[in-house]
């Protein structure tokens, strides 16, 4: 029996982590690069549950004090690039 499992290479870059200035909302911005097509749901789950936990998408209804995320995907020359951004309101 032939093994057709391919190794999935995932590269994660932290573009921004924390507050850009005092008393500002916190921004967590990640760039995830994958070398082959893969299940978007897996990458999204990895981000929202492991990379930086957040369960509210920006389009969803939420309270003013709850964090929210955006998740986007682009393809360039056979490489798949995901952007995962979390905005966390400043709470004093």
PDB file of N, CA and C in Angstrom:
ATOM      1  N   UNK A   1       0.841  -1.177   0.000  1.00  0.00           N
ATOM      2  CA  UNK A   1       0.000   0.000   0.000  1.00  0.00           C
ATOM      3  C   UNK A   1       0.887   1.243   0.000  1.00  0.00           C
ATOM      4  N   UNK A   2       0.612   2.142  -0.910  1.00  0.00           N
ATOM      5  CA  UNK A   2       1.425   3.344  -1.059  1.00  0.00           C
ATOM      6  C   UNK A   2       0.939   4.447  -0.122  1.00  0.00           C
ATOM      7  N   UNK A   3       1.874   5.138   0.481  1.00  0.00           N
ATOM      8  CA  UNK A   3       1.549   6.239   1.384  1.00  0.00           C
ATOM      9  C   UNK A   3       1.590   7.554   0.599  1.00  0.00           C
ATOM     10  N   UNK A   4       0.433   8.174   0.414  1.00  0.00           N
ATOM     11  CA  UNK A   4       0.346   9.414  -0.341  1.00  0.00           C
ATOM     12  C   UNK A   4       0.251  10.647   0.551  1.00  0.00           C
ATOM     13  N   UNK A   5       0.564  10.502   1.820  1.00  0.00           N
ATOM     14  CA  UNK A   5       0.507  11.647   2.724  1.00  0.00           C
ATOM     15  C   UNK A   5       1.636  12.610   2.412  1.00  0.00           C
ATOM     16  N   UNK A   6       1.260  13.867   2.228  1.00  0.00           N
ATOM     17  CA  UNK A   6       2.249  14.902   1.984  1.00  0.00           C
ATOM     18  C   UNK A   6       2.457  15.670   3.276  1.00  0.00           C
ATOM     19  N   UNK A   7       3.655  16.129   3.459  1.00  0.00           N
ATOM     20  CA  UNK A   7       3.960  16.934   4.626  1.00  0.00           C
ATOM     21  C   UNK A   7       3.444  18.347   4.397  1.00  0.00           C
ATOM     22  N   UNK A   8       2.731  18.876   5.377  1.00  0.00           N
ATOM     23  CA  UNK A   8       2.197  20.226   5.289  1.00  0.00           C
ATOM     24  C   UNK A   8       3.154  21.171   6.007  1.00  0.00           C
ATOM     25  N   UNK A   9       3.684  22.130   5.266  1.00  0.00           N
ATOM     26  CA  UNK A   9       4.592  23.113   5.854  1.00  0.00           C
ATOM     27  C   UNK A   9       3.828  24.395   6.115  1.00  0.00           C
ATOM     28  N   UNK A  10       3.793  24.793   7.374  1.00  0.00           N
ATOM     29  CA  UNK A  10       3.104  26.005   7.787  1.00  0.00           C
ATOM     30  C   UNK A  10       4.131  26.954   8.391  1.00  0.00           C
ATOM     31  N   UNK A  11       4.149  28.179   7.894  1.00  0.00           N
ATOM     32  CA  UNK A  11       5.038  29.207   8.427  1.00  0.00           C
ATOM     33  C   UNK A  11       4.162  30.300   9.031  1.00  0.00           C
ATOM     34  N   UNK A  12       4.419  30.637  10.290  1.00  0.00           N
ATOM     35  CA  UNK A  12       3.630  31.652  10.983  1.00  0.00           C
ATOM     36  C   UNK A  12       4.528  32.827  11.329  1.00  0.00           C
ATOM     37  N   UNK A  13       4.115  34.016  10.889  1.00  0.00           N
ATOM     38  CA  UNK A  13       4.854  35.239  11.209  1.00  0.00           C
ATOM     39  C   UNK A  13       3.957  36.132  12.062  1.00  0.00           C
ATOM     40  N   UNK A  14       4.500  36.660  13.139  1.00  0.00           N
ATOM     41  CA  UNK A  14       3.781  37.633  13.952  1.00  0.00           C
ATOM     42  C   UNK A  14       4.134  39.012  13.422  1.00  0.00           C
ATOM     43  N   UNK A  15       3.143  39.713  12.880  1.00  0.00           N
ATOM     44  CA  UNK A  15       3.365  41.030  12.310  1.00  0.00           C
ATOM     45  C   UNK A  15       3.170  42.137  13.350  1.00  0.00           C
ATOM     46  N   UNK A  16       2.269  41.907  14.279  1.00  0.00           N
ATOM     47  CA  UNK A  16       2.059  42.869  15.367  1.00  0.00           C
ATOM     48  C   UNK A  16       1.474  42.130  16.559  1.00  0.00           C
ATOM     49  N   UNK A  17       1.896  42.509  17.760  1.00  0.00           N
ATOM     50  CA  UNK A  17       1.416  41.843  18.961  1.00  0.00           C
ATOM     51  C   UNK A  17       1.321  42.858  20.091  1.00  0.00           C
ATOM     52  N   UNK A  18       0.116  43.295  20.431  1.00  0.00           N
ATOM     53  CA  UNK A  18      -0.076  44.192  21.557  1.00  0.00           C
ATOM     54  C   UNK A  18      -0.593  45.557  21.161  1.00  0.00           C
ATOM     55  N   UNK A  19      -0.446  46.495  22.093  1.00  0.00           N
ATOM     56  CA  UNK A  19      -0.937  47.850  21.889  1.00  0.00           C
ATOM     57  C   UNK A  19       0.042  48.673  21.046  1.00  0.00           C
ATOM     58  N   UNK A  20      -0.462  49.430  20.059  1.00  0.00           N
ATOM     59  CA  UNK A  20       0.423  50.283  19.271  1.00  0.00           C
ATOM     60  C   UNK A  20       0.860  51.536  20.039  1.00  0.00           C
ATOM     61  N   UNK A  21       0.084  51.896  21.057  1.00  0.00           N
ATOM     62  CA  UNK A  21       0.409  53.060  21.902  1.00  0.00           C
ATOM     63  C   UNK A  21      -0.362  52.900  23.216  1.00  0.00           C
ATOM     64  N   UNK A  22      -0.079  53.725  24.171  1.00  0.00           N
ATOM     65  CA  UNK A  22      -0.761  53.661  25.462  1.00  0.00           C
ATOM     66  C   UNK A  22      -2.261  53.917  25.305  1.00  0.00           C
ATOM     67  N   UNK A  23      -3.062  53.193  26.052  1.00  0.00           N
ATOM     68  CA  UNK A  23      -4.526  53.336  26.088  1.00  0.00           C
ATOM     69  C   UNK A  23      -5.210  52.993  24.768  1.00  0.00           C
ATOM     70  N   UNK A  24      -4.559  52.289  23.915  1.00  0.00           N
ATOM     71  CA  UNK A  24      -5.156  51.904  22.626  1.00  0.00           C
ATOM     72  C   UNK A  24      -5.632  50.451  22.680  1.00  0.00           C
ATOM     73  N   UNK A  25      -6.502  50.101  21.741  1.00  0.00           N
ATOM     74  CA  UNK A  25      -6.901  48.700  21.602  1.00  0.00           C
ATOM     75  C   UNK A  25      -5.681  47.875  21.204  1.00  0.00           C
ATOM     76  N   UNK A  26      -5.676  46.618  21.607  1.00  0.00           N
ATOM     77  CA  UNK A  26      -4.567  45.728  21.251  1.00  0.00           C
ATOM     78  C   UNK A  26      -4.847  45.071  19.902  1.00  0.00           C
ATOM     79  N   UNK A  27      -3.815  44.942  19.105  1.00  0.00           N
ATOM     80  CA  UNK A  27      -3.909  44.308  17.799  1.00  0.00           C
ATOM     81  C   UNK A  27      -2.936  43.136  17.746  1.00  0.00           C
ATOM     82  N   UNK A  28      -3.449  41.992  17.310  1.00  0.00           N
ATOM     83  CA  UNK A  28      -2.631  40.800  17.131  1.00  0.00           C
ATOM     84  C   UNK A  28      -2.784  40.412  15.667  1.00  0.00           C
ATOM     85  N   UNK A  29      -1.699  40.485  14.922  1.00  0.00           N
ATOM     86  CA  UNK A  29      -1.745  40.308  13.473  1.00  0.00           C
ATOM     87  C   UNK A  29      -0.757  39.224  13.073  1.00  0.00           C
ATOM     88  N   UNK A  30      -1.253  38.194  12.407  1.00  0.00           N
ATOM     89  CA  UNK A  30      -0.427  37.058  12.009  1.00  0.00           C
ATOM     90  C   UNK A  30      -0.554  36.798  10.506  1.00  0.00           C
ATOM     91  N   UNK A  31       0.520  36.342   9.935  1.00  0.00           N
ATOM     92  CA  UNK A  31       0.544  35.918   8.537  1.00  0.00           C
ATOM     93  C   UNK A  31       0.921  34.440   8.540  1.00  0.00           C
ATOM     94  N   UNK A  32       0.042  33.614   7.983  1.00  0.00           N
ATOM     95  CA  UNK A  32       0.248  32.172   7.949  1.00  0.00           C
ATOM     96  C   UNK A  32       0.438  31.773   6.497  1.00  0.00           C
ATOM     97  N   UNK A  33       1.556  31.152   6.187  1.00  0.00           N
ATOM     98  CA  UNK A  33       1.870  30.736   4.824  1.00  0.00           C
ATOM     99  C   UNK A  33       1.869  29.213   4.755  1.00  0.00           C
ATOM    100  N   UNK A  34       1.125  28.678   3.792  1.00  0.00           N
ATOM    101  CA  UNK A  34       1.015  27.228   3.606  1.00  0.00           C
ATOM    102  C   UNK A  34       1.459  26.915   2.185  1.00  0.00           C
ATOM    103  N   UNK A  35       2.252  25.867   2.028  1.00  0.00           N
ATOM    104  CA  UNK A  35       2.852  25.568   0.723  1.00  0.00           C
ATOM    105  C   UNK A  35       1.989  24.729  -0.218  1.00  0.00           C
ATOM    106  N   UNK A  36       0.788  24.338   0.216  1.00  0.00           N
ATOM    107  CA  UNK A  36      -0.093  23.553  -0.629  1.00  0.00           C
ATOM    108  C   UNK A  36      -1.540  23.812  -0.209  1.00  0.00           C
ATOM    109  N   UNK A  37      -2.490  23.524  -1.085  1.00  0.00           N
ATOM    110  CA  UNK A  37      -3.881  23.740  -0.689  1.00  0.00           C
ATOM    111  C   UNK A  37      -4.238  22.840   0.490  1.00  0.00           C
ATOM    112  N   UNK A  38      -4.955  23.391   1.422  1.00  0.00           N
ATOM    113  CA  UNK A  38      -5.350  22.635   2.600  1.00  0.00           C
ATOM    114  C   UNK A  38      -6.725  23.115   3.034  1.00  0.00           C
ATOM    115  N   UNK A  39      -7.301  22.458   3.981  1.00  0.00           N
ATOM    116  CA  UNK A  39      -8.631  22.819   4.448  1.00  0.00           C
ATOM    117  C   UNK A  39      -8.585  24.157   5.178  1.00  0.00           C
ATOM    118  N   UNK A  40      -9.313  25.130   4.642  1.00  0.00           N
ATOM    119  CA  UNK A  40      -9.357  26.451   5.270  1.00  0.00           C
ATOM    120  C   UNK A  40      -9.884  26.370   6.701  1.00  0.00           C
ATOM    121  N   UNK A  41     -10.833  25.468   6.923  1.00  0.00           N
ATOM    122  CA  UNK A  41     -11.420  25.323   8.259  1.00  0.00           C
ATOM    123  C   UNK A  41     -10.367  24.896   9.280  1.00  0.00           C
ATOM    124  N   UNK A  42      -9.417  24.050   8.881  1.00  0.00           N
ATOM    125  CA  UNK A  42      -8.357  23.621   9.787  1.00  0.00           C
ATOM    126  C   UNK A  42      -7.457  24.797  10.154  1.00  0.00           C
ATOM    127  N   UNK A  43      -7.056  25.580   9.170  1.00  0.00           N
ATOM    128  CA  UNK A  43      -6.180  26.730   9.414  1.00  0.00           C
ATOM    129  C   UNK A  43      -6.900  27.745  10.304  1.00  0.00           C
ATOM    130  N   UNK A  44      -8.159  28.002  10.010  1.00  0.00           N
ATOM    131  CA  UNK A  44      -8.938  28.950  10.812  1.00  0.00           C
ATOM    132  C   UNK A  44      -9.069  28.463  12.255  1.00  0.00           C
ATOM    133  N   UNK A  45      -9.344  27.198  12.425  1.00  0.00           N
ATOM    134  CA  UNK A  45      -9.458  26.628  13.779  1.00  0.00           C
ATOM    135  C   UNK A  45      -8.130  26.697  14.521  1.00  0.00           C
ATOM    136  N   UNK A  46      -7.047  26.422  13.829  1.00  0.00           N
ATOM    137  CA  UNK A  46      -5.719  26.516  14.435  1.00  0.00           C
ATOM    138  C   UNK A  46      -5.482  27.935  14.952  1.00  0.00           C
ATOM    139  N   UNK A  47      -5.869  28.921  14.161  1.00  0.00           N
ATOM    140  CA  UNK A  47      -5.683  30.324  14.559  1.00  0.00           C
ATOM    141  C   UNK A  47      -6.553  30.696  15.742  1.00  0.00           C
ATOM    142  N   UNK A  48      -7.848  30.414  15.650  1.00  0.00           N
ATOM    143  CA  UNK A  48      -8.799  30.881  16.660  1.00  0.00           C
ATOM    144  C   UNK A  48      -8.729  30.109  17.969  1.00  0.00           C
ATOM    145  N   UNK A  49      -8.176  28.902  17.944  1.00  0.00           N
ATOM    146  CA  UNK A  49      -8.114  28.105  19.168  1.00  0.00           C
ATOM    147  C   UNK A  49      -6.708  27.965  19.729  1.00  0.00           C
ATOM    148  N   UNK A  50      -5.693  28.135  18.904  1.00  0.00           N
ATOM    149  CA  UNK A  50      -4.333  27.891  19.364  1.00  0.00           C
ATOM    150  C   UNK A  50      -3.441  29.117  19.275  1.00  0.00           C
ATOM    151  N   UNK A  51      -3.422  29.763  18.123  1.00  0.00           N
ATOM    152  CA  UNK A  51      -2.517  30.888  17.904  1.00  0.00           C
ATOM    153  C   UNK A  51      -2.855  32.058  18.819  1.00  0.00           C
ATOM    154  N   UNK A  52      -4.094  32.524  18.770  1.00  0.00           N
ATOM    155  CA  UNK A  52      -4.602  33.537  19.699  1.00  0.00           C
ATOM    156  C   UNK A  52      -6.103  33.293  19.827  1.00  0.00           C
ATOM    157  N   UNK A  53      -6.520  32.842  20.984  1.00  0.00           N
ATOM    158  CA  UNK A  53      -7.902  32.419  21.186  1.00  0.00           C
ATOM    159  C   UNK A  53      -8.879  33.592  21.043  1.00  0.00           C
ATOM    160  N   UNK A  54      -9.810  33.422  20.111  1.00  0.00           N
ATOM    161  CA  UNK A  54     -10.858  34.417  19.884  1.00  0.00           C
ATOM    162  C   UNK A  54     -12.013  33.698  19.189  1.00  0.00           C
ATOM    163  N   UNK A  55     -13.243  33.922  19.667  1.00  0.00           N
ATOM    164  CA  UNK A  55     -14.365  33.177  19.097  1.00  0.00           C
ATOM    165  C   UNK A  55     -15.416  34.061  18.421  1.00  0.00           C
ATOM    166  N   UNK A  56     -15.140  35.343  18.250  1.00  0.00           N
ATOM    167  CA  UNK A  56     -16.098  36.237  17.597  1.00  0.00           C
ATOM    168  C   UNK A  56     -15.485  36.802  16.320  1.00  0.00           C
ATOM    169  N   UNK A  57     -16.157  36.551  15.199  1.00  0.00           N
ATOM    170  CA  UNK A  57     -15.706  37.120  13.934  1.00  0.00           C
ATOM    171  C   UNK A  57     -16.199  38.570  13.855  1.00  0.00           C
ATOM    172  N   UNK A  58     -15.517  39.397  13.097  1.00  0.00           N
ATOM    173  CA  UNK A  58     -15.841  40.825  13.055  1.00  0.00           C
ATOM    174  C   UNK A  58     -17.280  41.093  12.612  1.00  0.00           C
ATOM    175  N   UNK A  59     -17.847  40.215  11.803  1.00  0.00           N
ATOM    176  CA  UNK A  59     -19.209  40.401  11.307  1.00  0.00           C
ATOM    177  C   UNK A  59     -20.277  39.977  12.320  1.00  0.00           C
ATOM    178  N   UNK A  60     -19.874  39.228  13.327  1.00  0.00           N
ATOM    179  CA  UNK A  60     -20.831  38.696  14.299  1.00  0.00           C
ATOM    180  C   UNK A  60     -21.259  39.756  15.302  1.00  0.00           C
ATOM    181  N   UNK A  61     -22.421  39.542  15.851  1.00  0.00           N
ATOM    182  CA  UNK A  61     -22.904  40.401  16.922  1.00  0.00           C
ATOM    183  C   UNK A  61     -22.099  40.112  18.186  1.00  0.00           C
ATOM    184  N   UNK A  62     -21.696  41.174  18.863  1.00  0.00           N
ATOM    185  CA  UNK A  62     -20.886  40.992  20.066  1.00  0.00           C
ATOM    186  C   UNK A  62     -21.038  42.215  20.956  1.00  0.00           C
ATOM    187  N   UNK A  63     -20.620  42.083  22.188  1.00  0.00           N
ATOM    188  CA  UNK A  63     -20.621  43.203  23.117  1.00  0.00           C
ATOM    189  C   UNK A  63     -19.424  44.093  22.809  1.00  0.00           C
ATOM    190  N   UNK A  64     -19.477  45.343  23.213  1.00  0.00           N
ATOM    191  CA  UNK A  64     -18.426  46.318  22.900  1.00  0.00           C
ATOM    192  C   UNK A  64     -17.072  45.933  23.495  1.00  0.00           C
ATOM    193  N   UNK A  65     -17.067  45.174  24.547  1.00  0.00           N
ATOM    194  CA  UNK A  65     -15.833  44.825  25.250  1.00  0.00           C
ATOM    195  C   UNK A  65     -15.230  43.494  24.789  1.00  0.00           C
ATOM    196  N   UNK A  66     -15.861  42.826  23.855  1.00  0.00           N
ATOM    197  CA  UNK A  66     -15.368  41.525  23.396  1.00  0.00           C
ATOM    198  C   UNK A  66     -14.400  41.673  22.225  1.00  0.00           C
ATOM    199  N   UNK A  67     -13.386  40.845  22.222  1.00  0.00           N
ATOM    200  CA  UNK A  67     -12.434  40.805  21.111  1.00  0.00           C
ATOM    201  C   UNK A  67     -13.113  40.214  19.881  1.00  0.00           C
ATOM    202  N   UNK A  68     -12.576  40.558  18.702  1.00  0.00           N
ATOM    203  CA  UNK A  68     -13.089  40.000  17.460  1.00  0.00           C
ATOM    204  C   UNK A  68     -11.931  39.796  16.489  1.00  0.00           C
ATOM    205  N   UNK A  69     -12.160  38.941  15.480  1.00  0.00           N
ATOM    206  CA  UNK A  69     -11.096  38.635  14.531  1.00  0.00           C
ATOM    207  C   UNK A  69     -11.570  38.754  13.092  1.00  0.00           C
ATOM    208  N   UNK A  70     -10.579  38.883  12.202  1.00  0.00           N
ATOM    209  CA  UNK A  70     -10.809  38.768  10.768  1.00  0.00           C
ATOM    210  C   UNK A  70      -9.877  37.666  10.255  1.00  0.00           C
ATOM    211  N   UNK A  71     -10.318  36.978   9.219  1.00  0.00           N
ATOM    212  CA  UNK A  71      -9.565  35.864   8.663  1.00  0.00           C
ATOM    213  C   UNK A  71      -9.692  35.922   7.149  1.00  0.00           C
ATOM    214  N   UNK A  72      -8.572  36.100   6.456  1.00  0.00           N
ATOM    215  CA  UNK A  72      -8.577  36.229   4.998  1.00  0.00           C
ATOM    216  C   UNK A  72      -7.566  35.275   4.380  1.00  0.00           C
ATOM    217  N   UNK A  73      -7.816  34.935   3.126  1.00  0.00           N
ATOM    218  CA  UNK A  73      -6.916  34.027   2.399  1.00  0.00           C
ATOM    219  C   UNK A  73      -6.644  34.599   1.015  1.00  0.00           C
ATOM    220  N   UNK A  74      -5.380  34.513   0.594  1.00  0.00           N
ATOM    221  CA  UNK A  74      -4.995  34.864  -0.772  1.00  0.00           C
ATOM    222  C   UNK A  74      -4.078  33.770  -1.300  1.00  0.00           C
ATOM    223  N   UNK A  75      -3.996  33.674  -2.608  1.00  0.00           N
ATOM    224  CA  UNK A  75      -3.096  32.707  -3.240  1.00  0.00           C
ATOM    225  C   UNK A  75      -2.145  33.461  -4.154  1.00  0.00           C
ATOM    226  N   UNK A  76      -0.868  33.110  -4.067  1.00  0.00           N
ATOM    227  CA  UNK A  76       0.132  33.746  -4.913  1.00  0.00           C
ATOM    228  C   UNK A  76       1.155  32.685  -5.325  1.00  0.00           C
ATOM    229  N   UNK A  77       1.220  32.401  -6.597  1.00  0.00           N
ATOM    230  CA  UNK A  77       2.201  31.456  -7.155  1.00  0.00           C
ATOM    231  C   UNK A  77       2.186  30.099  -6.452  1.00  0.00           C
ATOM    232  N   UNK A  78       1.004  29.560  -6.186  1.00  0.00           N
ATOM    233  CA  UNK A  78       0.893  28.248  -5.565  1.00  0.00           C
ATOM    234  C   UNK A  78       1.113  28.236  -4.065  1.00  0.00           C
ATOM    235  N   UNK A  79       1.291  29.399  -3.475  1.00  0.00           N
ATOM    236  CA  UNK A  79       1.438  29.508  -2.029  1.00  0.00           C
ATOM    237  C   UNK A  79       0.177  30.157  -1.489  1.00  0.00           C
ATOM    238  N   UNK A  80      -0.319  29.648  -0.389  1.00  0.00           N
ATOM    239  CA  UNK A  80      -1.556  30.148   0.204  1.00  0.00           C
ATOM    240  C   UNK A  80      -1.204  30.964   1.439  1.00  0.00           C
ATOM    241  N   UNK A  81      -1.691  32.194   1.455  1.00  0.00           N
ATOM    242  CA  UNK A  81      -1.355  33.115   2.543  1.00  0.00           C
ATOM    243  C   UNK A  81      -2.636  33.498   3.263  1.00  0.00           C
ATOM    244  N   UNK A  82      -2.634  33.275   4.559  1.00  0.00           N
ATOM    245  CA  UNK A  82      -3.762  33.621   5.410  1.00  0.00           C
ATOM    246  C   UNK A  82      -3.350  34.783   6.305  1.00  0.00           C
ATOM    247  N   UNK A  83      -4.294  35.670   6.587  1.00  0.00           N
ATOM    248  CA  UNK A  83      -4.072  36.755   7.549  1.00  0.00           C
ATOM    249  C   UNK A  83      -5.103  36.590   8.647  1.00  0.00           C
ATOM    250  N   UNK A  84      -4.626  36.531   9.853  1.00  0.00           N
ATOM    251  CA  UNK A  84      -5.474  36.402  11.025  1.00  0.00           C
ATOM    252  C   UNK A  84      -5.189  37.590  11.925  1.00  0.00           C
ATOM    253  N   UNK A  85      -6.206  38.422  12.126  1.00  0.00           N
ATOM    254  CA  UNK A  85      -6.045  39.624  12.948  1.00  0.00           C
ATOM    255  C   UNK A  85      -7.089  39.607  14.059  1.00  0.00           C
ATOM    256  N   UNK A  86      -6.638  39.913  15.263  1.00  0.00           N
ATOM    257  CA  UNK A  86      -7.533  40.000  16.413  1.00  0.00           C
ATOM    258  C   UNK A  86      -7.429  41.410  16.980  1.00  0.00           C
ATOM    259  N   UNK A  87      -8.587  42.024  17.194  1.00  0.00           N
ATOM    260  CA  UNK A  87      -8.641  43.346  17.816  1.00  0.00           C
ATOM    261  C   UNK A  87      -9.264  43.154  19.201  1.00  0.00           C
ATOM    262  N   UNK A  88      -8.549  43.579  20.201  1.00  0.00           N
ATOM    263  CA  UNK A  88      -9.004  43.448  21.576  1.00  0.00           C
ATOM    264  C   UNK A  88      -9.165  44.844  22.172  1.00  0.00           C
ATOM    265  N   UNK A  89     -10.395  45.226  22.542  1.00  0.00           N
ATOM    266  CA  UNK A  89     -10.629  46.579  23.052  1.00  0.00           C
ATOM    267  C   UNK A  89      -9.850  46.854  24.332  1.00  0.00           C
ATOM    268  N   UNK A  90      -9.422  48.100  24.452  1.00  0.00           N
ATOM    269  CA  UNK A  90      -8.742  48.541  25.665  1.00  0.00           C
ATOM    270  C   UNK A  90      -9.767  48.632  26.792  1.00  0.00           C
ATOM    271  N   UNK A  91      -9.492  47.957  27.870  1.00  0.00           N
ATOM    272  CA  UNK A  91     -10.383  47.965  29.030  1.00  0.00           C
ATOM    273  C   UNK A  91      -9.601  48.501  30.223  1.00  0.00           C
ATOM    274  N   UNK A  92     -10.116  49.537  30.834  1.00  0.00           N
ATOM    275  CA  UNK A  92      -9.429  50.122  31.983  1.00  0.00           C
ATOM    276  C   UNK A  92     -10.075  49.688  33.258  1.00  0.00           C
TER     277      UNK A  92
END
